[in-house]
N, C-alpha and C. Protein backbone atom coordinates (compact mmCIF):
# COMPACT_ATOMS: atom_id res chain seq x y z
N MET A 1 -116.82 176.68 -92.32
CA MET A 1 -117.38 175.69 -91.43
C MET A 1 -117.86 174.47 -92.21
N ALA A 2 -118.55 174.69 -93.36
CA ALA A 2 -119.05 173.58 -94.17
C ALA A 2 -117.89 172.75 -94.71
N ILE A 3 -116.80 173.39 -95.09
CA ILE A 3 -115.64 172.67 -95.61
C ILE A 3 -115.03 171.80 -94.52
N GLN A 4 -114.95 172.35 -93.30
CA GLN A 4 -114.39 171.59 -92.19
C GLN A 4 -115.26 170.37 -91.88
N GLN A 5 -116.59 170.52 -91.86
CA GLN A 5 -117.48 169.39 -91.59
C GLN A 5 -117.36 168.34 -92.69
N GLN A 6 -117.25 168.80 -93.95
CA GLN A 6 -117.10 167.87 -95.05
C GLN A 6 -115.81 167.05 -94.87
N GLY A 7 -114.75 167.69 -94.43
CA GLY A 7 -113.48 167.00 -94.20
C GLY A 7 -113.60 165.96 -93.09
N VAL A 8 -114.33 166.31 -92.02
CA VAL A 8 -114.53 165.37 -90.92
C VAL A 8 -115.25 164.13 -91.42
N TRP A 9 -116.31 164.31 -92.18
CA TRP A 9 -117.07 163.17 -92.69
C TRP A 9 -116.23 162.33 -93.65
N LYS A 10 -115.39 163.01 -94.43
CA LYS A 10 -114.53 162.29 -95.35
C LYS A 10 -113.60 161.36 -94.58
N TYR A 11 -113.01 161.85 -93.48
CA TYR A 11 -112.10 161.03 -92.70
C TYR A 11 -112.84 159.90 -91.97
N ARG A 12 -114.03 160.19 -91.47
CA ARG A 12 -114.83 159.14 -90.82
C ARG A 12 -115.19 158.04 -91.81
N PHE A 13 -115.63 158.43 -93.00
CA PHE A 13 -116.00 157.47 -94.02
C PHE A 13 -114.79 156.64 -94.44
N THR A 14 -113.65 157.29 -94.61
CA THR A 14 -112.42 156.58 -94.97
C THR A 14 -112.03 155.59 -93.88
N GLY A 15 -112.17 156.00 -92.62
CA GLY A 15 -111.87 155.10 -91.50
C GLY A 15 -112.78 153.89 -91.47
N ILE A 16 -114.05 154.11 -91.77
CA ILE A 16 -115.00 152.99 -91.81
C ILE A 16 -114.63 152.03 -92.93
N LEU A 17 -114.30 152.57 -94.09
CA LEU A 17 -113.91 151.71 -95.22
C LEU A 17 -112.65 150.91 -94.89
N ARG A 18 -111.69 151.53 -94.23
CA ARG A 18 -110.47 150.81 -93.84
C ARG A 18 -110.79 149.69 -92.87
N ALA A 19 -111.65 149.97 -91.90
CA ALA A 19 -112.04 148.94 -90.92
C ALA A 19 -112.72 147.77 -91.62
N ILE A 20 -113.62 148.07 -92.55
CA ILE A 20 -114.29 147.00 -93.29
C ILE A 20 -113.27 146.21 -94.10
N GLY A 21 -112.33 146.90 -94.70
CA GLY A 21 -111.29 146.23 -95.48
C GLY A 21 -110.44 145.31 -94.64
N LEU A 22 -110.14 145.71 -93.40
CA LEU A 22 -109.35 144.86 -92.52
C LEU A 22 -110.15 143.66 -92.04
N LEU A 23 -111.44 143.84 -91.82
CA LEU A 23 -112.26 142.75 -91.32
C LEU A 23 -112.74 141.81 -92.42
N MET A 24 -112.78 142.27 -93.63
CA MET A 24 -113.31 141.49 -94.73
C MET A 24 -112.64 140.12 -94.86
N PRO A 25 -111.30 140.01 -94.88
CA PRO A 25 -110.70 138.69 -95.03
C PRO A 25 -111.08 137.76 -93.89
N VAL A 26 -111.20 138.26 -92.67
CA VAL A 26 -111.59 137.44 -91.54
C VAL A 26 -113.01 136.93 -91.73
N SER A 27 -113.92 137.80 -92.15
CA SER A 27 -115.31 137.38 -92.33
C SER A 27 -115.43 136.37 -93.46
N ILE A 28 -114.65 136.53 -94.51
CA ILE A 28 -114.69 135.56 -95.60
C ILE A 28 -114.16 134.21 -95.12
N LEU A 29 -113.12 134.23 -94.31
CA LEU A 29 -112.55 133.00 -93.78
C LEU A 29 -113.57 132.21 -93.00
N PHE A 30 -114.32 132.88 -92.11
CA PHE A 30 -115.28 132.18 -91.28
C PHE A 30 -116.61 131.95 -91.95
N ALA A 31 -116.90 132.64 -93.02
CA ALA A 31 -118.16 132.44 -93.74
C ALA A 31 -118.08 131.21 -94.62
N ALA A 32 -116.89 130.77 -94.96
CA ALA A 32 -116.74 129.60 -95.81
C ALA A 32 -117.07 128.34 -95.01
N SER A 33 -116.97 127.19 -95.64
CA SER A 33 -117.26 125.95 -94.96
C SER A 33 -116.33 125.78 -93.77
N PRO A 34 -116.74 124.98 -92.78
CA PRO A 34 -115.93 124.83 -91.58
C PRO A 34 -114.52 124.34 -91.90
N LEU A 35 -113.58 124.85 -91.18
CA LEU A 35 -112.20 124.42 -91.35
C LEU A 35 -112.03 123.07 -90.68
N ALA A 36 -111.62 122.09 -91.44
CA ALA A 36 -111.43 120.75 -90.92
C ALA A 36 -110.04 120.61 -90.31
N VAL A 37 -109.97 119.92 -89.19
CA VAL A 37 -108.69 119.67 -88.53
C VAL A 37 -108.42 118.17 -88.60
N ASP A 38 -107.33 117.79 -89.28
CA ASP A 38 -106.94 116.39 -89.33
C ASP A 38 -106.33 116.02 -87.98
N VAL A 39 -106.90 115.03 -87.33
CA VAL A 39 -106.40 114.59 -86.03
C VAL A 39 -105.16 113.75 -86.29
N PRO A 40 -104.01 114.16 -85.70
CA PRO A 40 -102.75 113.45 -85.98
C PRO A 40 -102.72 112.05 -85.37
N LEU A 41 -101.99 111.18 -86.04
CA LEU A 41 -101.78 109.82 -85.57
C LEU A 41 -100.48 109.81 -84.78
N ASP A 42 -100.57 109.55 -83.48
CA ASP A 42 -99.38 109.51 -82.64
C ASP A 42 -98.57 108.25 -82.92
N PRO A 43 -97.29 108.21 -82.50
CA PRO A 43 -96.44 107.04 -82.75
C PRO A 43 -97.03 105.73 -82.21
N ASP A 44 -97.87 105.83 -81.17
CA ASP A 44 -98.47 104.60 -80.62
C ASP A 44 -99.71 104.16 -81.40
N GLY A 45 -100.03 104.86 -82.51
CA GLY A 45 -101.14 104.44 -83.36
C GLY A 45 -102.50 105.01 -82.97
N VAL A 46 -102.53 105.94 -82.00
CA VAL A 46 -103.79 106.54 -81.55
C VAL A 46 -103.90 107.96 -82.11
N GLN A 47 -105.07 108.29 -82.62
CA GLN A 47 -105.36 109.65 -83.10
C GLN A 47 -105.85 110.46 -81.90
N ARG A 48 -105.11 111.52 -81.52
CA ARG A 48 -105.46 112.29 -80.33
C ARG A 48 -105.69 113.76 -80.67
N ALA A 49 -106.70 114.34 -79.99
CA ALA A 49 -106.96 115.78 -80.14
C ALA A 49 -107.63 116.30 -78.88
N VAL A 50 -107.44 117.60 -78.64
CA VAL A 50 -108.11 118.29 -77.54
C VAL A 50 -109.14 119.22 -78.16
N VAL A 51 -110.37 119.14 -77.65
CA VAL A 51 -111.45 119.99 -78.13
C VAL A 51 -111.90 120.86 -76.95
N GLU A 52 -111.87 122.18 -77.15
CA GLU A 52 -112.33 123.08 -76.10
C GLU A 52 -113.85 123.20 -76.17
N VAL A 53 -114.47 123.11 -75.01
CA VAL A 53 -115.92 123.21 -74.91
C VAL A 53 -116.22 124.55 -74.25
N ASP A 54 -116.82 125.45 -75.02
CA ASP A 54 -117.14 126.78 -74.50
C ASP A 54 -118.65 126.98 -74.62
N SER A 55 -119.11 128.14 -74.26
CA SER A 55 -120.54 128.44 -74.35
C SER A 55 -120.99 128.31 -75.79
N TYR A 56 -121.72 127.27 -76.06
CA TYR A 56 -122.36 127.04 -77.36
C TYR A 56 -121.40 126.77 -78.51
N GLU A 57 -120.21 126.24 -78.24
CA GLU A 57 -119.32 125.87 -79.34
C GLU A 57 -118.28 124.84 -78.92
N PHE A 58 -117.81 124.10 -79.91
CA PHE A 58 -116.69 123.19 -79.77
C PHE A 58 -115.56 123.78 -80.64
N ILE A 59 -114.34 123.81 -80.10
CA ILE A 59 -113.21 124.38 -80.83
C ILE A 59 -112.07 123.36 -80.81
N PRO A 60 -111.65 122.81 -81.91
CA PRO A 60 -112.19 122.98 -83.26
C PRO A 60 -113.53 122.25 -83.37
N HIS A 61 -114.29 122.63 -84.37
CA HIS A 61 -115.62 122.05 -84.50
C HIS A 61 -115.75 121.06 -85.66
N HIS A 62 -114.67 120.81 -86.37
CA HIS A 62 -114.68 119.84 -87.47
C HIS A 62 -113.41 119.01 -87.39
N LEU A 63 -113.55 117.76 -86.96
CA LEU A 63 -112.41 116.87 -86.80
C LEU A 63 -112.45 115.79 -87.88
N VAL A 64 -111.28 115.48 -88.43
CA VAL A 64 -111.17 114.43 -89.44
C VAL A 64 -110.28 113.32 -88.88
N VAL A 65 -110.82 112.10 -88.84
CA VAL A 65 -110.07 110.95 -88.34
C VAL A 65 -110.10 109.83 -89.37
N LYS A 66 -109.21 108.85 -89.20
CA LYS A 66 -109.13 107.71 -90.11
C LYS A 66 -109.92 106.54 -89.52
N ALA A 67 -110.69 105.90 -90.37
CA ALA A 67 -111.45 104.71 -89.95
C ALA A 67 -110.49 103.59 -89.58
N GLY A 68 -110.87 102.81 -88.58
CA GLY A 68 -110.08 101.65 -88.18
C GLY A 68 -108.93 101.96 -87.25
N LYS A 69 -108.69 103.23 -86.95
CA LYS A 69 -107.60 103.63 -86.04
C LYS A 69 -108.22 104.17 -84.75
N PRO A 70 -107.68 103.81 -83.59
CA PRO A 70 -108.22 104.31 -82.33
C PRO A 70 -108.18 105.84 -82.24
N VAL A 71 -109.20 106.40 -81.63
CA VAL A 71 -109.31 107.85 -81.45
C VAL A 71 -109.44 108.14 -79.96
N GLU A 72 -108.74 109.18 -79.52
CA GLU A 72 -108.85 109.65 -78.14
C GLU A 72 -109.07 111.15 -78.18
N LEU A 73 -110.28 111.58 -77.84
CA LEU A 73 -110.62 113.01 -77.84
C LEU A 73 -110.79 113.47 -76.40
N THR A 74 -110.09 114.54 -76.05
CA THR A 74 -110.23 115.14 -74.72
C THR A 74 -111.01 116.43 -74.88
N PHE A 75 -112.16 116.49 -74.22
CA PHE A 75 -113.02 117.67 -74.25
C PHE A 75 -112.74 118.46 -72.97
N LYS A 76 -112.23 119.68 -73.15
CA LYS A 76 -111.82 120.52 -72.03
C LYS A 76 -112.82 121.67 -71.88
N SER A 77 -113.53 121.71 -70.77
CA SER A 77 -114.54 122.75 -70.54
C SER A 77 -113.88 124.07 -70.16
N LEU A 78 -114.27 125.12 -70.88
CA LEU A 78 -113.78 126.47 -70.58
C LEU A 78 -114.80 127.25 -69.75
N THR A 79 -115.98 126.70 -69.59
CA THR A 79 -117.04 127.41 -68.85
C THR A 79 -116.85 127.24 -67.35
N TRP A 80 -117.27 128.25 -66.62
CA TRP A 80 -117.08 128.26 -65.17
C TRP A 80 -118.24 127.63 -64.42
N VAL A 81 -119.44 127.71 -64.97
CA VAL A 81 -120.62 127.25 -64.24
C VAL A 81 -121.40 126.20 -65.02
N VAL A 82 -121.56 126.43 -66.31
CA VAL A 82 -122.47 125.61 -67.11
C VAL A 82 -121.81 124.29 -67.52
N PRO A 83 -122.44 123.16 -67.15
CA PRO A 83 -121.93 121.88 -67.62
C PRO A 83 -122.37 121.63 -69.07
N HIS A 84 -121.67 120.76 -69.75
CA HIS A 84 -122.01 120.39 -71.11
C HIS A 84 -121.97 118.87 -71.22
N ASN A 85 -122.40 118.38 -72.35
CA ASN A 85 -122.21 116.97 -72.63
C ASN A 85 -121.70 116.81 -74.05
N VAL A 86 -121.21 115.62 -74.35
CA VAL A 86 -120.71 115.30 -75.68
C VAL A 86 -121.51 114.11 -76.16
N ILE A 87 -122.16 114.29 -77.31
CA ILE A 87 -122.99 113.23 -77.87
C ILE A 87 -122.56 112.98 -79.32
N ILE A 88 -122.31 111.72 -79.62
CA ILE A 88 -122.15 111.25 -81.00
C ILE A 88 -123.06 110.03 -81.06
N ASP A 89 -124.21 110.18 -81.65
CA ASP A 89 -125.20 109.10 -81.67
C ASP A 89 -125.93 109.11 -83.00
N ASP A 90 -125.28 108.52 -83.97
CA ASP A 90 -125.85 108.41 -85.31
C ASP A 90 -125.81 106.93 -85.65
N PRO A 91 -126.95 106.32 -85.94
CA PRO A 91 -126.96 104.88 -86.23
C PRO A 91 -125.97 104.47 -87.32
N ARG A 92 -125.70 105.35 -88.27
CA ARG A 92 -124.75 105.03 -89.34
C ARG A 92 -123.32 104.90 -88.80
N SER A 93 -123.00 105.63 -87.73
CA SER A 93 -121.62 105.66 -87.22
C SER A 93 -121.27 104.45 -86.38
N GLU A 94 -122.27 103.73 -85.92
CA GLU A 94 -122.08 102.62 -84.98
C GLU A 94 -121.46 103.10 -83.66
N LEU A 95 -121.53 104.42 -83.40
CA LEU A 95 -121.03 104.98 -82.15
C LEU A 95 -122.21 105.44 -81.30
N LYS A 96 -122.16 105.14 -80.02
CA LYS A 96 -123.18 105.62 -79.08
C LYS A 96 -122.44 106.24 -77.90
N ILE A 97 -122.07 107.51 -78.08
CA ILE A 97 -121.30 108.22 -77.05
C ILE A 97 -122.19 109.29 -76.46
N ARG A 98 -122.29 109.30 -75.15
CA ARG A 98 -123.05 110.32 -74.43
C ARG A 98 -122.40 110.46 -73.05
N ASP A 99 -121.55 111.48 -72.92
CA ASP A 99 -120.82 111.69 -71.67
C ASP A 99 -120.93 113.14 -71.23
N GLU A 100 -120.83 113.36 -69.94
CA GLU A 100 -120.91 114.70 -69.35
C GLU A 100 -119.52 115.32 -69.26
N VAL A 101 -119.47 116.64 -69.48
CA VAL A 101 -118.25 117.42 -69.29
C VAL A 101 -118.57 118.48 -68.23
N PRO A 102 -118.23 118.21 -66.97
CA PRO A 102 -118.52 119.20 -65.94
C PRO A 102 -117.78 120.52 -66.19
N ALA A 103 -118.33 121.60 -65.69
CA ALA A 103 -117.71 122.92 -65.83
C ALA A 103 -116.30 122.87 -65.27
N ARG A 104 -115.36 123.48 -66.02
CA ARG A 104 -113.95 123.61 -65.64
C ARG A 104 -113.21 122.28 -65.52
N GLU A 105 -113.75 121.22 -66.12
CA GLU A 105 -113.09 119.91 -66.07
C GLU A 105 -112.90 119.38 -67.48
N SER A 106 -112.29 118.21 -67.58
CA SER A 106 -112.05 117.58 -68.87
C SER A 106 -112.63 116.18 -68.89
N LEU A 107 -112.92 115.74 -70.08
CA LEU A 107 -113.44 114.39 -70.30
C LEU A 107 -112.70 113.82 -71.49
N THR A 108 -112.20 112.59 -71.36
CA THR A 108 -111.54 111.93 -72.48
C THR A 108 -112.39 110.75 -72.90
N ILE A 109 -112.70 110.70 -74.20
CA ILE A 109 -113.46 109.57 -74.73
C ILE A 109 -112.56 108.83 -75.72
N LYS A 110 -112.70 107.50 -75.72
CA LYS A 110 -111.89 106.65 -76.59
C LYS A 110 -112.83 105.76 -77.40
N PHE A 111 -112.54 105.66 -78.69
CA PHE A 111 -113.35 104.82 -79.56
C PHE A 111 -112.56 104.55 -80.84
N THR A 112 -113.02 103.58 -81.60
CA THR A 112 -112.43 103.29 -82.90
C THR A 112 -113.54 103.36 -83.94
N PRO A 113 -113.53 104.39 -84.77
CA PRO A 113 -114.57 104.50 -85.79
C PRO A 113 -114.32 103.50 -86.91
N THR A 114 -115.39 102.89 -87.40
CA THR A 114 -115.24 101.90 -88.46
C THR A 114 -115.99 102.27 -89.73
N VAL A 115 -116.94 103.19 -89.61
CA VAL A 115 -117.79 103.56 -90.74
C VAL A 115 -117.43 104.96 -91.23
N PRO A 116 -117.02 105.09 -92.49
CA PRO A 116 -116.75 106.42 -93.04
C PRO A 116 -118.02 107.26 -93.13
N GLY A 117 -117.85 108.58 -92.99
CA GLY A 117 -118.98 109.50 -93.10
C GLY A 117 -118.77 110.70 -92.19
N SER A 118 -119.75 111.60 -92.20
CA SER A 118 -119.72 112.78 -91.33
C SER A 118 -120.82 112.63 -90.29
N PHE A 119 -120.44 112.79 -89.03
CA PHE A 119 -121.36 112.57 -87.92
C PHE A 119 -121.34 113.76 -86.97
N ALA A 120 -122.50 114.11 -86.45
CA ALA A 120 -122.62 115.26 -85.55
C ALA A 120 -122.04 114.95 -84.18
N ILE A 121 -121.32 115.93 -83.62
CA ILE A 121 -120.91 115.94 -82.22
C ILE A 121 -121.66 117.13 -81.64
N TYR A 122 -122.43 116.92 -80.58
CA TYR A 122 -123.21 118.03 -80.07
C TYR A 122 -123.46 117.93 -78.57
N CYS A 123 -123.95 119.04 -78.02
CA CYS A 123 -124.36 119.13 -76.62
C CYS A 123 -125.86 119.42 -76.63
N ASP A 124 -126.63 118.62 -75.89
CA ASP A 124 -128.08 118.84 -75.89
C ASP A 124 -128.60 119.40 -74.56
N LYS A 125 -127.70 119.95 -73.74
CA LYS A 125 -128.13 120.56 -72.47
C LYS A 125 -129.19 121.63 -72.76
N LYS A 126 -130.15 121.74 -71.85
CA LYS A 126 -131.26 122.67 -72.09
C LYS A 126 -131.93 123.02 -70.77
N LEU A 127 -132.23 124.30 -70.63
CA LEU A 127 -133.04 124.76 -69.51
C LEU A 127 -134.48 124.91 -70.00
N PRO A 128 -135.45 124.81 -69.10
CA PRO A 128 -136.84 124.96 -69.54
C PRO A 128 -137.06 126.31 -70.22
N PHE A 129 -137.83 126.28 -71.30
CA PHE A 129 -138.25 127.48 -72.05
C PHE A 129 -137.10 128.18 -72.78
N ILE A 130 -135.93 127.55 -72.87
CA ILE A 130 -134.79 128.14 -73.57
C ILE A 130 -134.30 127.11 -74.58
N LYS A 131 -133.75 127.58 -75.68
CA LYS A 131 -133.22 126.68 -76.70
C LYS A 131 -132.08 125.83 -76.11
N SER A 132 -131.92 124.63 -76.65
CA SER A 132 -130.83 123.75 -76.20
C SER A 132 -129.50 124.32 -76.70
N HIS A 133 -128.42 123.82 -76.13
CA HIS A 133 -127.09 124.26 -76.56
C HIS A 133 -126.90 123.94 -78.04
N ARG A 134 -127.39 122.78 -78.48
CA ARG A 134 -127.27 122.42 -79.89
C ARG A 134 -128.03 123.41 -80.77
N GLU A 135 -129.22 123.79 -80.36
CA GLU A 135 -130.01 124.76 -81.12
C GLU A 135 -129.33 126.13 -81.16
N LYS A 136 -128.48 126.40 -80.17
CA LYS A 136 -127.74 127.67 -80.14
C LYS A 136 -126.39 127.57 -80.85
N GLY A 137 -126.12 126.43 -81.48
CA GLY A 137 -124.92 126.32 -82.29
C GLY A 137 -123.82 125.42 -81.76
N GLN A 138 -124.03 124.75 -80.63
CA GLN A 138 -122.99 123.89 -80.07
C GLN A 138 -123.06 122.51 -80.74
N GLU A 139 -122.55 122.50 -81.97
CA GLU A 139 -122.52 121.27 -82.75
C GLU A 139 -121.26 121.28 -83.60
N GLY A 140 -120.63 120.14 -83.67
CA GLY A 140 -119.45 119.98 -84.49
C GLY A 140 -119.62 118.79 -85.42
N VAL A 141 -118.53 118.46 -86.11
CA VAL A 141 -118.57 117.36 -87.07
C VAL A 141 -117.38 116.43 -86.81
N LEU A 142 -117.67 115.15 -86.76
CA LEU A 142 -116.63 114.12 -86.76
C LEU A 142 -116.68 113.50 -88.14
N GLU A 143 -115.63 113.72 -88.91
CA GLU A 143 -115.56 113.17 -90.26
C GLU A 143 -114.62 111.98 -90.24
N VAL A 144 -115.14 110.84 -90.60
CA VAL A 144 -114.35 109.61 -90.62
C VAL A 144 -114.05 109.27 -92.08
N ARG A 145 -112.77 109.15 -92.39
CA ARG A 145 -112.35 108.82 -93.78
C ARG A 145 -111.73 107.46 -93.85
């Protein structure tokens, strides 16, 4: 009986180690710095990207654009009930964007960044006595090069 129980534990432990081994590369991937997405320049000279807006996150959450070229970002809400907003308001960026993204709808914003740097994109929606969406992690980066 003791030998059989020892064998069971051995297989359970081996299974756990295998699971950790399979998940390890994924956890290392996401534990590193955010993956930057270069926004492509379309033939008409506009940099376009679609950003999914979900509960407390923007996907992708790190966009890289070129200064002096027009940008068109479409924020597509994946949430069914909760509205969000998109804010880029950093005095260094010379951008003052604050628009609503209703639940299950899309919002397209157009601008031309002129100042290089990294600027926050975030949602500041908040219910009383609860952390804001930004405080819960709904923040991304607009990197202008």
